[in-house]
PDB file of N, CA and C in Angstrom:
ATOM      1  N   GLY A   1       0.780  -1.160   0.000  1.00  0.00           N
ATOM      2  CA  GLY A   1       0.000   0.000   0.000  1.00  0.00           C
ATOM      3  C   GLY A   1       0.850   1.265   0.000  1.00  0.00           C
ATOM      4  N   GLU A   2       0.172   2.338  -0.165  1.00  0.00           N
ATOM      5  CA  GLU A   2       0.824   3.647  -0.165  1.00  0.00           C
ATOM      6  C   GLU A   2       0.471   4.373   1.127  1.00  0.00           C
ATOM      7  N   TYR A   3       1.512   4.944   1.737  1.00  0.00           N
ATOM      8  CA  TYR A   3       1.336   5.741   2.955  1.00  0.00           C
ATOM      9  C   TYR A   3       1.736   7.166   2.618  1.00  0.00           C
ATOM     10  N   LEU A   4       0.804   8.011   2.323  1.00  0.00           N
ATOM     11  CA  LEU A   4       1.091   9.372   1.889  1.00  0.00           C
ATOM     12  C   LEU A   4       1.271  10.343   3.058  1.00  0.00           C
ATOM     13  N   ASN A   5       0.825  10.000   4.244  1.00  0.00           N
ATOM     14  CA  ASN A   5       0.937  10.904   5.373  1.00  0.00           C
ATOM     15  C   ASN A   5       1.939  10.390   6.415  1.00  0.00           C
ATOM     16  N   ARG A   6       2.898   9.612   5.988  1.00  0.00           N
ATOM     17  CA  ARG A   6       3.869   9.012   6.896  1.00  0.00           C
ATOM     18  C   ARG A   6       4.923  10.017   7.372  1.00  0.00           C
ATOM     19  N   PHE A   7       5.359  10.912   6.521  1.00  0.00           N
ATOM     20  CA  PHE A   7       6.373  11.906   6.864  1.00  0.00           C
ATOM     21  C   PHE A   7       5.788  13.297   6.681  1.00  0.00           C
ATOM     22  N   GLU A   8       6.315  14.232   7.435  1.00  0.00           N
ATOM     23  CA  GLU A   8       5.913  15.613   7.252  1.00  0.00           C
ATOM     24  C   GLU A   8       7.124  16.514   7.478  1.00  0.00           C
ATOM     25  N   ILE A   9       7.132  17.632   6.817  1.00  0.00           N
ATOM     26  CA  ILE A   9       8.204  18.610   6.932  1.00  0.00           C
ATOM     27  C   ILE A   9       7.703  19.762   7.784  1.00  0.00           C
ATOM     28  N   THR A  10       8.481  20.099   8.816  1.00  0.00           N
ATOM     29  CA  THR A  10       8.118  21.224   9.659  1.00  0.00           C
ATOM     30  C   THR A  10       9.255  22.228   9.659  1.00  0.00           C
ATOM     31  N   PHE A  11       8.921  23.490   9.819  1.00  0.00           N
ATOM     32  CA  PHE A  11       9.911  24.560   9.854  1.00  0.00           C
ATOM     33  C   PHE A  11       9.812  25.269  11.192  1.00  0.00           C
ATOM     34  N   GLU A  12      10.988  25.569  11.752  1.00  0.00           N
ATOM     35  CA  GLU A  12      11.041  26.292  13.013  1.00  0.00           C
ATOM     36  C   GLU A  12      11.770  27.599  12.800  1.00  0.00           C
ATOM     37  N   ASN A  13      11.661  28.455  13.780  1.00  0.00           N
ATOM     38  CA  ASN A  13      12.406  29.699  13.743  1.00  0.00           C
ATOM     39  C   ASN A  13      13.894  29.340  13.835  1.00  0.00           C
ATOM     40  N   PRO A  14      14.676  29.660  12.817  1.00  0.00           N
ATOM     41  CA  PRO A  14      16.073  29.210  12.827  1.00  0.00           C
ATOM     42  C   PRO A  14      16.898  29.929  13.884  1.00  0.00           C
ATOM     43  N   GLN A  15      17.774  29.169  14.478  1.00  0.00           N
ATOM     44  CA  GLN A  15      18.667  29.725  15.482  1.00  0.00           C
ATOM     45  C   GLN A  15      20.088  29.405  15.019  1.00  0.00           C
ATOM     46  N   THR A  16      20.855  30.431  14.743  1.00  0.00           N
ATOM     47  CA  THR A  16      22.202  30.214  14.226  1.00  0.00           C
ATOM     48  C   THR A  16      23.153  29.871  15.354  1.00  0.00           C
ATOM     49  N   LEU A  17      24.242  29.229  14.977  1.00  0.00           N
ATOM     50  CA  LEU A  17      25.284  28.943  15.953  1.00  0.00           C
ATOM     51  C   LEU A  17      25.980  30.239  16.313  1.00  0.00           C
ATOM     52  N   ASP A  18      26.283  30.385  17.567  1.00  0.00           N
ATOM     53  CA  ASP A  18      26.861  31.633  18.030  1.00  0.00           C
ATOM     54  C   ASP A  18      28.049  31.333  18.926  1.00  0.00           C
ATOM     55  N   THR A  19      28.967  32.245  18.991  1.00  0.00           N
ATOM     56  CA  THR A  19      30.147  32.054  19.836  1.00  0.00           C
ATOM     57  C   THR A  19      30.102  32.928  21.076  1.00  0.00           C
ATOM     58  N   THR A  20      28.957  33.438  21.434  1.00  0.00           N
ATOM     59  CA  THR A  20      28.874  34.282  22.620  1.00  0.00           C
ATOM     60  C   THR A  20      29.050  33.475  23.897  1.00  0.00           C
ATOM     61  N   ASP A  21      28.781  32.170  23.851  1.00  0.00           N
ATOM     62  CA  ASP A  21      28.957  31.336  25.032  1.00  0.00           C
ATOM     63  C   ASP A  21      30.426  31.146  25.370  1.00  0.00           C
ATOM     64  N   PHE A  22      31.275  31.266  24.374  1.00  0.00           N
ATOM     65  CA  PHE A  22      32.690  31.035  24.577  1.00  0.00           C
ATOM     66  C   PHE A  22      33.387  32.353  24.854  1.00  0.00           C
ATOM     67  N   GLU A  23      33.913  32.488  26.047  1.00  0.00           N
ATOM     68  CA  GLU A  23      34.606  33.706  26.433  1.00  0.00           C
ATOM     69  C   GLU A  23      36.110  33.503  26.438  1.00  0.00           C
ATOM     70  N   ASP A  24      36.598  32.424  25.793  1.00  0.00           N
ATOM     71  CA  ASP A  24      38.023  32.153  25.829  1.00  0.00           C
ATOM     72  C   ASP A  24      38.813  33.071  24.908  1.00  0.00           C
ATOM     73  N   ASN A  25      38.139  33.941  24.142  1.00  0.00           N
ATOM     74  CA  ASN A  25      38.871  34.918  23.348  1.00  0.00           C
ATOM     75  C   ASN A  25      39.491  35.985  24.243  1.00  0.00           C
ATOM     76  N   LEU A  26      39.062  36.070  25.498  1.00  0.00           N
ATOM     77  CA  LEU A  26      39.670  36.989  26.459  1.00  0.00           C
ATOM     78  C   LEU A  26      40.880  36.352  27.139  1.00  0.00           C
ATOM     79  N   LEU A  27      41.185  35.108  26.781  1.00  0.00           N
ATOM     80  CA  LEU A  27      42.298  34.373  27.347  1.00  0.00           C
ATOM     81  C   LEU A  27      43.296  34.087  26.231  1.00  0.00           C
ATOM     82  N   ASN A  28      44.405  34.829  26.206  1.00  0.00           N
ATOM     83  CA  ASN A  28      45.420  34.659  25.177  1.00  0.00           C
ATOM     84  C   ASN A  28      46.572  33.835  25.726  1.00  0.00           C
ATOM     85  N   ILE A  29      47.019  32.883  24.924  1.00  0.00           N
ATOM     86  CA  ILE A  29      48.097  31.991  25.330  1.00  0.00           C
ATOM     87  C   ILE A  29      49.106  31.916  24.199  1.00  0.00           C
ATOM     88  N   PHE A  30      50.387  32.058  24.537  1.00  0.00           N
ATOM     89  CA  PHE A  30      51.444  31.867  23.554  1.00  0.00           C
ATOM     90  C   PHE A  30      52.713  31.436  24.262  1.00  0.00           C
ATOM     91  N   TYR A  31      53.679  30.949  23.494  1.00  0.00           N
ATOM     92  CA  TYR A  31      54.940  30.495  24.046  1.00  0.00           C
ATOM     93  C   TYR A  31      56.001  31.547  23.775  1.00  0.00           C
ATOM     94  N   ALA A  32      56.700  31.988  24.814  1.00  0.00           N
ATOM     95  CA  ALA A  32      57.775  32.969  24.687  1.00  0.00           C
ATOM     96  C   ALA A  32      59.095  32.213  24.612  1.00  0.00           C
ATOM     97  N   ASN A  33      59.717  32.215  23.430  1.00  0.00           N
ATOM     98  CA  ASN A  33      60.961  31.466  23.240  1.00  0.00           C
ATOM     99  C   ASN A  33      62.095  32.007  24.098  1.00  0.00           C
ATOM    100  N   GLU A  34      62.196  33.314  24.217  1.00  0.00           N
ATOM    101  CA  GLU A  34      63.310  33.897  24.961  1.00  0.00           C
ATOM    102  C   GLU A  34      63.209  33.631  26.465  1.00  0.00           C
ATOM    103  N   LYS A  35      62.006  33.390  26.971  1.00  0.00           N
ATOM    104  CA  LYS A  35      61.804  33.120  28.399  1.00  0.00           C
ATOM    105  C   LYS A  35      61.595  31.644  28.694  1.00  0.00           C
ATOM    106  N   SER A  36      61.450  30.827  27.654  1.00  0.00           N
ATOM    107  CA  SER A  36      61.143  29.394  27.804  1.00  0.00           C
ATOM    108  C   SER A  36      59.956  29.184  28.726  1.00  0.00           C
ATOM    109  N   SER A  37      58.880  29.901  28.439  1.00  0.00           N
ATOM    110  CA  SER A  37      57.688  29.777  29.270  1.00  0.00           C
ATOM    111  C   SER A  37      56.433  30.016  28.433  1.00  0.00           C
ATOM    112  N   ILE A  38      55.342  29.499  28.940  1.00  0.00           N
ATOM    113  CA  ILE A  38      54.031  29.717  28.339  1.00  0.00           C
ATOM    114  C   ILE A  38      53.432  30.941  29.008  1.00  0.00           C
ATOM    115  N   VAL A  39      53.008  31.900  28.217  1.00  0.00           N
ATOM    116  CA  VAL A  39      52.467  33.151  28.742  1.00  0.00           C
ATOM    117  C   VAL A  39      50.941  33.108  28.674  1.00  0.00           C
ATOM    118  N   LEU A  40      50.306  33.357  29.816  1.00  0.00           N
ATOM    119  CA  LEU A  40      48.846  33.443  29.906  1.00  0.00           C
ATOM    120  C   LEU A  40      48.471  34.897  30.121  1.00  0.00           C
ATOM    121  N   ILE A  41      47.681  35.440  29.216  1.00  0.00           N
ATOM    122  CA  ILE A  41      47.142  36.782  29.395  1.00  0.00           C
ATOM    123  C   ILE A  41      45.650  36.617  29.659  1.00  0.00           C
ATOM    124  N   ASN A  42      45.292  36.763  30.901  1.00  0.00           N
ATOM    125  CA  ASN A  42      43.937  36.513  31.384  1.00  0.00           C
ATOM    126  C   ASN A  42      43.283  37.852  31.699  1.00  0.00           C
ATOM    127  N   SER A  43      42.876  38.582  30.665  1.00  0.00           N
ATOM    128  CA  SER A  43      42.338  39.931  30.871  1.00  0.00           C
ATOM    129  C   SER A  43      40.997  39.936  31.595  1.00  0.00           C
ATOM    130  N   SER A  44      40.242  38.860  31.500  1.00  0.00           N
ATOM    131  CA  SER A  44      38.947  38.809  32.186  1.00  0.00           C
ATOM    132  C   SER A  44      39.062  38.236  33.599  1.00  0.00           C
ATOM    133  N   LEU A  45      40.295  37.897  34.017  1.00  0.00           N
ATOM    134  CA  LEU A  45      40.559  37.306  35.339  1.00  0.00           C
ATOM    135  C   LEU A  45      39.684  36.086  35.597  1.00  0.00           C
ATOM    136  N   LYS A  46      39.663  35.193  34.621  1.00  0.00           N
ATOM    137  CA  LYS A  46      38.925  33.944  34.751  1.00  0.00           C
ATOM    138  C   LYS A  46      39.697  33.007  35.684  1.00  0.00           C
ATOM    139  N   GLN A  47      39.003  32.379  36.610  1.00  0.00           N
ATOM    140  CA  GLN A  47      39.621  31.479  37.575  1.00  0.00           C
ATOM    141  C   GLN A  47      40.084  30.209  36.860  1.00  0.00           C
ATOM    142  N   ILE A  48      41.402  29.951  36.887  1.00  0.00           N
ATOM    143  CA  ILE A  48      41.974  28.750  36.285  1.00  0.00           C
ATOM    144  C   ILE A  48      42.457  27.864  37.415  1.00  0.00           C
ATOM    145  N   ASP A  49      41.895  26.659  37.514  1.00  0.00           N
ATOM    146  CA  ASP A  49      42.231  25.748  38.602  1.00  0.00           C
ATOM    147  C   ASP A  49      43.549  25.021  38.337  1.00  0.00           C
ATOM    148  N   SER A  50      43.707  24.485  37.134  1.00  0.00           N
ATOM    149  CA  SER A  50      44.920  23.755  36.786  1.00  0.00           C
ATOM    150  C   SER A  50      45.116  23.798  35.280  1.00  0.00           C
ATOM    151  N   ALA A  51      46.330  23.451  34.854  1.00  0.00           N
ATOM    152  CA  ALA A  51      46.648  23.418  33.429  1.00  0.00           C
ATOM    153  C   ALA A  51      47.529  22.199  33.169  1.00  0.00           C
ATOM    154  N   GLU A  52      47.369  21.646  31.978  1.00  0.00           N
ATOM    155  CA  GLU A  52      48.173  20.488  31.600  1.00  0.00           C
ATOM    156  C   GLU A  52      48.568  20.634  30.140  1.00  0.00           C
ATOM    157  N   LEU A  53      49.828  20.357  29.855  1.00  0.00           N
ATOM    158  CA  LEU A  53      50.374  20.485  28.506  1.00  0.00           C
ATOM    159  C   LEU A  53      50.548  19.099  27.912  1.00  0.00           C
ATOM    160  N   PHE A  54      49.967  18.897  26.719  1.00  0.00           N
ATOM    161  CA  PHE A  54      50.043  17.623  26.016  1.00  0.00           C
ATOM    162  C   PHE A  54      50.803  17.807  24.715  1.00  0.00           C
ATOM    163  N   ASN A  55      51.557  16.776  24.326  1.00  0.00           N
ATOM    164  CA  ASN A  55      52.162  16.822  22.996  1.00  0.00           C
ATOM    165  C   ASN A  55      51.137  16.345  21.988  1.00  0.00           C
ATOM    166  N   ILE A  56      51.519  16.332  20.719  1.00  0.00           N
ATOM    167  CA  ILE A  56      50.562  16.019  19.654  1.00  0.00           C
ATOM    168  C   ILE A  56      50.119  14.547  19.691  1.00  0.00           C
ATOM    169  N   LEU A  57      50.875  13.701  20.395  1.00  0.00           N
ATOM    170  CA  LEU A  57      50.505  12.297  20.534  1.00  0.00           C
ATOM    171  C   LEU A  57      49.514  12.064  21.673  1.00  0.00           C
ATOM    172  N   GLY A  58      49.237  13.128  22.442  1.00  0.00           N
ATOM    173  CA  GLY A  58      48.300  13.016  23.553  1.00  0.00           C
ATOM    174  C   GLY A  58      48.965  12.667  24.864  1.00  0.00           C
ATOM    175  N   GLN A  59      50.297  12.680  24.904  1.00  0.00           N
ATOM    176  CA  GLN A  59      51.017  12.373  26.133  1.00  0.00           C
ATOM    177  C   GLN A  59      51.148  13.628  26.976  1.00  0.00           C
ATOM    178  N   SER A  60      50.933  13.490  28.263  1.00  0.00           N
ATOM    179  CA  SER A  60      51.053  14.622  29.178  1.00  0.00           C
ATOM    180  C   SER A  60      52.526  14.960  29.368  1.00  0.00           C
ATOM    181  N   VAL A  61      52.891  16.221  29.108  1.00  0.00           N
ATOM    182  CA  VAL A  61      54.276  16.659  29.207  1.00  0.00           C
ATOM    183  C   VAL A  61      54.507  17.407  30.516  1.00  0.00           C
ATOM    184  N   LEU A  62      53.643  18.362  30.839  1.00  0.00           N
ATOM    185  CA  LEU A  62      53.748  19.158  32.053  1.00  0.00           C
ATOM    186  C   LEU A  62      52.373  19.339  32.679  1.00  0.00           C
ATOM    187  N   ARG A  63      52.373  19.515  34.001  1.00  0.00           N
ATOM    188  CA  ARG A  63      51.117  19.772  34.704  1.00  0.00           C
ATOM    189  C   ARG A  63      51.361  20.878  35.726  1.00  0.00           C
ATOM    190  N   TYR A  64      50.444  21.842  35.750  1.00  0.00           N
ATOM    191  CA  TYR A  64      50.493  22.961  36.693  1.00  0.00           C
ATOM    192  C   TYR A  64      49.239  22.886  37.565  1.00  0.00           C
ATOM    193  N   ASN A  65      49.422  22.614  38.847  1.00  0.00           N
ATOM    194  CA  ASN A  65      48.278  22.443  39.738  1.00  0.00           C
ATOM    195  C   ASN A  65      47.794  23.745  40.353  1.00  0.00           C
ATOM    196  N   THR A  66      48.693  24.685  40.564  1.00  0.00           N
ATOM    197  CA  THR A  66      48.301  25.957  41.166  1.00  0.00           C
ATOM    198  C   THR A  66      48.600  27.089  40.194  1.00  0.00           C
ATOM    199  N   ILE A  67      47.567  27.793  39.804  1.00  0.00           N
ATOM    200  CA  ILE A  67      47.699  28.940  38.915  1.00  0.00           C
ATOM    201  C   ILE A  67      47.025  30.120  39.605  1.00  0.00           C
ATOM    202  N   GLU A  68      47.793  31.171  39.788  1.00  0.00           N
ATOM    203  CA  GLU A  68      47.284  32.339  40.491  1.00  0.00           C
ATOM    204  C   GLU A  68      46.338  33.135  39.608  1.00  0.00           C
ATOM    205  N   LEU A  69      45.486  33.902  40.250  1.00  0.00           N
ATOM    206  CA  LEU A  69      44.504  34.720  39.544  1.00  0.00           C
ATOM    207  C   LEU A  69      45.129  36.080  39.237  1.00  0.00           C
ATOM    208  N   GLU A  70      45.817  36.162  38.103  1.00  0.00           N
ATOM    209  CA  GLU A  70      46.474  37.388  37.657  1.00  0.00           C
ATOM    210  C   GLU A  70      46.174  37.604  36.185  1.00  0.00           C
ATOM    211  N   SER A  71      46.319  38.843  35.724  1.00  0.00           N
ATOM    212  CA  SER A  71      46.049  39.127  34.316  1.00  0.00           C
ATOM    213  C   SER A  71      47.207  38.711  33.413  1.00  0.00           C
ATOM    214  N   TYR A  72      48.438  38.644  33.956  1.00  0.00           N
ATOM    215  CA  TYR A  72      49.602  38.211  33.191  1.00  0.00           C
ATOM    216  C   TYR A  72      50.373  37.200  34.027  1.00  0.00           C
ATOM    217  N   GLN A  73      50.618  36.043  33.441  1.00  0.00           N
ATOM    218  CA  GLN A  73      51.328  35.014  34.181  1.00  0.00           C
ATOM    219  C   GLN A  73      52.167  34.182  33.226  1.00  0.00           C
ATOM    220  N   GLU A  74      53.336  33.757  33.716  1.00  0.00           N
ATOM    221  CA  GLU A  74      54.230  32.911  32.934  1.00  0.00           C
ATOM    222  C   GLU A  74      54.329  31.550  33.605  1.00  0.00           C
ATOM    223  N   LEU A  75      54.135  30.505  32.799  1.00  0.00           N
ATOM    224  CA  LEU A  75      54.287  29.141  33.286  1.00  0.00           C
ATOM    225  C   LEU A  75      55.621  28.625  32.768  1.00  0.00           C
ATOM    226  N   LYS A  76      56.568  28.458  33.663  1.00  0.00           N
ATOM    227  CA  LYS A  76      57.912  28.036  33.271  1.00  0.00           C
ATOM    228  C   LYS A  76      57.892  26.604  32.762  1.00  0.00           C
ATOM    229  N   THR A  77      58.635  26.390  31.688  1.00  0.00           N
ATOM    230  CA  THR A  77      58.770  25.056  31.115  1.00  0.00           C
ATOM    231  C   THR A  77      60.247  24.721  31.013  1.00  0.00           C
ATOM    232  N   ASN A  78      60.525  23.454  31.030  1.00  0.00           N
ATOM    233  CA  ASN A  78      61.881  23.030  30.719  1.00  0.00           C
ATOM    234  C   ASN A  78      62.051  23.160  29.218  1.00  0.00           C
ATOM    235  N   LYS A  79      63.215  22.932  28.740  1.00  0.00           N
ATOM    236  CA  LYS A  79      63.440  23.036  27.303  1.00  0.00           C
ATOM    237  C   LYS A  79      62.591  21.982  26.591  1.00  0.00           C
ATOM    238  N   LEU A  80      61.590  22.456  25.873  1.00  0.00           N
ATOM    239  CA  LEU A  80      60.704  21.564  25.126  1.00  0.00           C
ATOM    240  C   LEU A  80      61.148  21.498  23.678  1.00  0.00           C
ATOM    241  N   ASN A  81      60.932  20.370  23.051  1.00  0.00           N
ATOM    242  CA  ASN A  81      61.236  20.236  21.635  1.00  0.00           C
ATOM    243  C   ASN A  81      60.275  21.073  20.814  1.00  0.00           C
ATOM    244  N   ALA A  82      60.731  21.490  19.658  1.00  0.00           N
ATOM    245  CA  ALA A  82      59.864  22.257  18.758  1.00  0.00           C
ATOM    246  C   ALA A  82      58.696  21.387  18.317  1.00  0.00           C
ATOM    247  N   GLY A  83      57.534  22.007  18.230  1.00  0.00           N
ATOM    248  CA  GLY A  83      56.360  21.262  17.794  1.00  0.00           C
ATOM    249  C   GLY A  83      55.077  21.916  18.246  1.00  0.00           C
ATOM    250  N   THR A  84      54.007  21.192  18.074  1.00  0.00           N
ATOM    251  CA  THR A  84      52.673  21.657  18.439  1.00  0.00           C
ATOM    252  C   THR A  84      52.242  20.963  19.722  1.00  0.00           C
ATOM    253  N   TYR A  85      51.773  21.744  20.661  1.00  0.00           N
ATOM    254  CA  TYR A  85      51.311  21.233  21.938  1.00  0.00           C
ATOM    255  C   TYR A  85      49.896  21.745  22.197  1.00  0.00           C
ATOM    256  N   ILE A  86      49.168  21.036  23.048  1.00  0.00           N
ATOM    257  CA  ILE A  86      47.818  21.431  23.448  1.00  0.00           C
ATOM    258  C   ILE A  86      47.848  21.730  24.942  1.00  0.00           C
ATOM    259  N   LEU A  87      47.397  22.929  25.306  1.00  0.00           N
ATOM    260  CA  LEU A  87      47.304  23.320  26.711  1.00  0.00           C
ATOM    261  C   LEU A  87      45.842  23.210  27.135  1.00  0.00           C
ATOM    262  N   LYS A  88      45.593  22.337  28.091  1.00  0.00           N
ATOM    263  CA  LYS A  88      44.231  22.119  28.591  1.00  0.00           C
ATOM    264  C   LYS A  88      44.099  22.848  29.923  1.00  0.00           C
ATOM    265  N   LEU A  89      43.194  23.812  29.973  1.00  0.00           N
ATOM    266  CA  LEU A  89      42.967  24.614  31.171  1.00  0.00           C
ATOM    267  C   LEU A  89      41.658  24.207  31.827  1.00  0.00           C
ATOM    268  N   ASN A  90      41.710  23.859  33.093  1.00  0.00           N
ATOM    269  CA  ASN A  90      40.500  23.544  33.858  1.00  0.00           C
ATOM    270  C   ASN A  90      40.077  24.803  34.595  1.00  0.00           C
ATOM    271  N   THR A  91      38.950  25.367  34.180  1.00  0.00           N
ATOM    272  CA  THR A  91      38.446  26.588  34.789  1.00  0.00           C
ATOM    273  C   THR A  91      37.172  26.290  35.559  1.00  0.00           C
ATOM    274  N   SER A  92      36.689  27.291  36.256  1.00  0.00           N
ATOM    275  CA  SER A  92      35.434  27.128  36.987  1.00  0.00           C
ATOM    276  C   SER A  92      34.245  26.995  36.036  1.00  0.00           C
ATOM    277  N   ASP A  93      34.414  27.494  34.795  1.00  0.00           N
ATOM    278  CA  ASP A  93      33.343  27.409  33.800  1.00  0.00           C
ATOM    279  C   ASP A  93      33.392  26.129  32.978  1.00  0.00           C
ATOM    280  N   GLY A  94      34.495  25.415  33.008  1.00  0.00           N
ATOM    281  CA  GLY A  94      34.645  24.208  32.215  1.00  0.00           C
ATOM    282  C   GLY A  94      36.085  24.059  31.756  1.00  0.00           C
ATOM    283  N   VAL A  95      36.278  23.286  30.707  1.00  0.00           N
ATOM    284  CA  VAL A  95      37.617  22.996  30.186  1.00  0.00           C
ATOM    285  C   VAL A  95      37.832  23.785  28.905  1.00  0.00           C
ATOM    286  N   ILE A  96      38.994  24.424  28.801  1.00  0.00           N
ATOM    287  CA  ILE A  96      39.368  25.166  27.595  1.00  0.00           C
ATOM    288  C   ILE A  96      40.666  24.563  27.076  1.00  0.00           C
ATOM    289  N   SER A  97      40.727  24.276  25.793  1.00  0.00           N
ATOM    290  CA  SER A  97      41.931  23.742  25.182  1.00  0.00           C
ATOM    291  C   SER A  97      42.451  24.754  24.159  1.00  0.00           C
ATOM    292  N   LYS A  98      43.750  25.001  24.221  1.00  0.00           N
ATOM    293  CA  LYS A  98      44.386  25.946  23.292  1.00  0.00           C
ATOM    294  C   LYS A  98      45.608  25.275  22.692  1.00  0.00           C
ATOM    295  N   LYS A  99      45.867  25.624  21.436  1.00  0.00           N
ATOM    296  CA  LYS A  99      47.037  25.116  20.751  1.00  0.00           C
ATOM    297  C   LYS A  99      48.209  26.063  21.000  1.00  0.00           C
ATOM    298  N   VAL A 100      49.391  25.486  21.315  1.00  0.00           N
ATOM    299  CA  VAL A 100      50.595  26.259  21.566  1.00  0.00           C
ATOM    300  C   VAL A 100      51.681  25.761  20.616  1.00  0.00           C
ATOM    301  N   LEU A 101      52.277  26.682  19.856  1.00  0.00           N
ATOM    302  CA  LEU A 101      53.345  26.330  18.930  1.00  0.00           C
ATOM    303  C   LEU A 101      54.683  26.714  19.545  1.00  0.00           C
ATOM    304  N   ILE A 102      55.618  25.774  19.529  1.00  0.00           N
ATOM    305  CA  ILE A 102      56.952  26.025  20.062  1.00  0.00           C
ATOM    306  C   ILE A 102      57.945  25.869  18.920  1.00  0.00           C
ATOM    307  N   LYS A 103      58.759  26.921  18.717  1.00  0.00           N
ATOM    308  CA  LYS A 103      59.750  26.886  17.641  1.00  0.00           C
ATOM    309  C   LYS A 103      61.111  26.565  18.205  1.00  0.00           C
TER     310      LYS A 103
END
């Protein structure tokens, strides 16, 4: 038999994807070669509980358990090999991951 009323198409008020929920654009992270440290510029003073640095293979390289609430902070690193690393920040709002390039 034929079922002509089996499916129906409905339209809703479209809601676009937005980036207003993500406030990590106020958190800048980069690696300072001359200081051998990761620089955190936290202009919004977001509470960061801990940070962990992973290499591209997913292996944990460094872990920082105490991070002070400051607008500018340097996380000292030992001499790391050149490459791409992922810095995972545990904040009070959730987890933020940033890519860090080391030359």
